[in-house]
Protein backbone atom coordinates (compact mmCIF):
# COMPACT_ATOMS: atom_id res chain seq x y z
CA GLY A 1 74.16 109.11 87.32
CA ASP A 2 76.30 107.64 84.49
CA PRO A 3 79.15 106.49 85.91
CA LYS A 4 81.10 104.58 82.17
CA ARG A 5 80.66 108.94 82.22
CA THR A 6 82.14 109.37 85.71
CA VAL A 7 84.78 107.23 85.44
CA LEU A 8 85.27 108.31 81.65
CA THR A 9 85.35 112.38 82.50
CA ALA A 10 87.66 111.61 85.31
CA VAL A 11 90.77 109.74 83.04
CA LYS A 12 90.61 112.71 80.63
CA GLY A 13 91.19 115.06 83.76
CA GLY A 14 94.79 115.29 83.31
CA ARG A 15 97.39 115.21 86.36
CA ASP A 16 96.05 112.11 88.84
CA ALA A 17 93.63 111.50 86.93
CA ASP A 18 94.54 107.82 87.05
CA SER A 19 94.14 107.48 91.17
CA ILE A 20 89.91 109.69 90.33
CA ALA A 21 89.34 107.40 87.96
CA THR A 22 90.46 104.27 90.14
CA ASN A 23 88.81 106.54 93.43
CA ALA A 24 85.88 106.99 91.55
CA ALA A 25 85.35 103.76 89.56
CA SER A 26 85.92 101.82 93.26
CA TRP A 27 83.06 103.83 95.23
CA LEU A 28 80.60 103.64 92.64
CA GLY A 29 80.78 99.75 92.19
CA ALA A 30 81.00 99.25 95.50
CA LEU A 31 76.93 101.56 95.64
CA ALA A 32 75.94 100.12 92.74
CA GLY A 33 77.56 96.78 91.71
CA GLU A 34 79.93 95.52 88.73
CA SER A 35 76.48 95.85 87.37
CA VAL A 36 76.83 99.20 86.28
CA TRP A 37 79.57 98.69 84.03
CA PRO A 38 79.85 97.45 80.71
CA ARG A 39 80.53 93.61 80.78
CA GLU A 40 83.57 94.68 78.33
CA TRP A 41 85.16 96.49 80.90
CA LEU A 42 84.30 94.13 83.57
CA GLU A 43 85.87 91.00 81.28
CA GLY A 44 88.79 92.92 80.69
CA VAL A 45 89.91 94.19 84.21
CA GLN A 46 90.01 90.35 85.20
CA GLU A 47 91.74 89.39 82.39
CA ALA A 48 94.45 91.71 82.93
CA ASN A 49 94.46 90.40 86.65
CA ARG A 50 93.71 87.28 86.73
CA PRO A 51 97.85 86.00 86.43
CA ARG A 52 98.04 87.39 89.64
CA LEU A 53 93.89 87.47 91.67
CA ASN A 54 90.97 86.71 91.52
CA LEU A 55 88.60 90.34 91.53
CA ARG A 56 85.55 88.25 91.26
CA ALA A 57 86.29 85.61 93.67
CA MET A 58 87.87 88.20 96.25
CA ALA A 59 84.92 90.38 96.04
CA LEU A 60 82.31 87.80 96.75
CA ASP A 61 84.98 86.78 99.71
CA LEU A 62 85.21 89.90 101.79
CA ILE A 63 80.86 89.91 101.17
CA GLU A 64 80.98 86.76 102.76
CA LYS A 65 83.28 87.06 105.99
CA GLY A 66 81.24 90.73 106.94
CA ILE A 67 78.50 88.36 106.75
CA GLU A 68 79.81 85.94 109.13
CA ASN A 69 80.64 88.05 111.69
CA GLU A 70 78.00 90.81 111.09
CA THR A 71 80.62 93.89 109.48
CA ILE A 72 78.21 94.23 107.14
CA ASP A 73 75.23 95.72 106.22
CA PHE A 74 73.09 95.55 102.77
CA GLY A 75 70.34 97.43 104.22
CA PHE A 76 67.43 94.90 104.31
């Protein structure tokens, strides 16, 4: 019920914590959208990746392509 707590718990889990936290965050973001994340997290991730790619632009492009080829269903 709390995406932030879920990811923080996964990060602190030890062993393969980075992969577990990444998977949890990816699924939670895909299911609920970026609004579940604190703004500072979103900005930090975007800034860390900006030299190589724009994550938000990539996500919007994937959504647009899914709508175009009818492989995405928003359930409404």
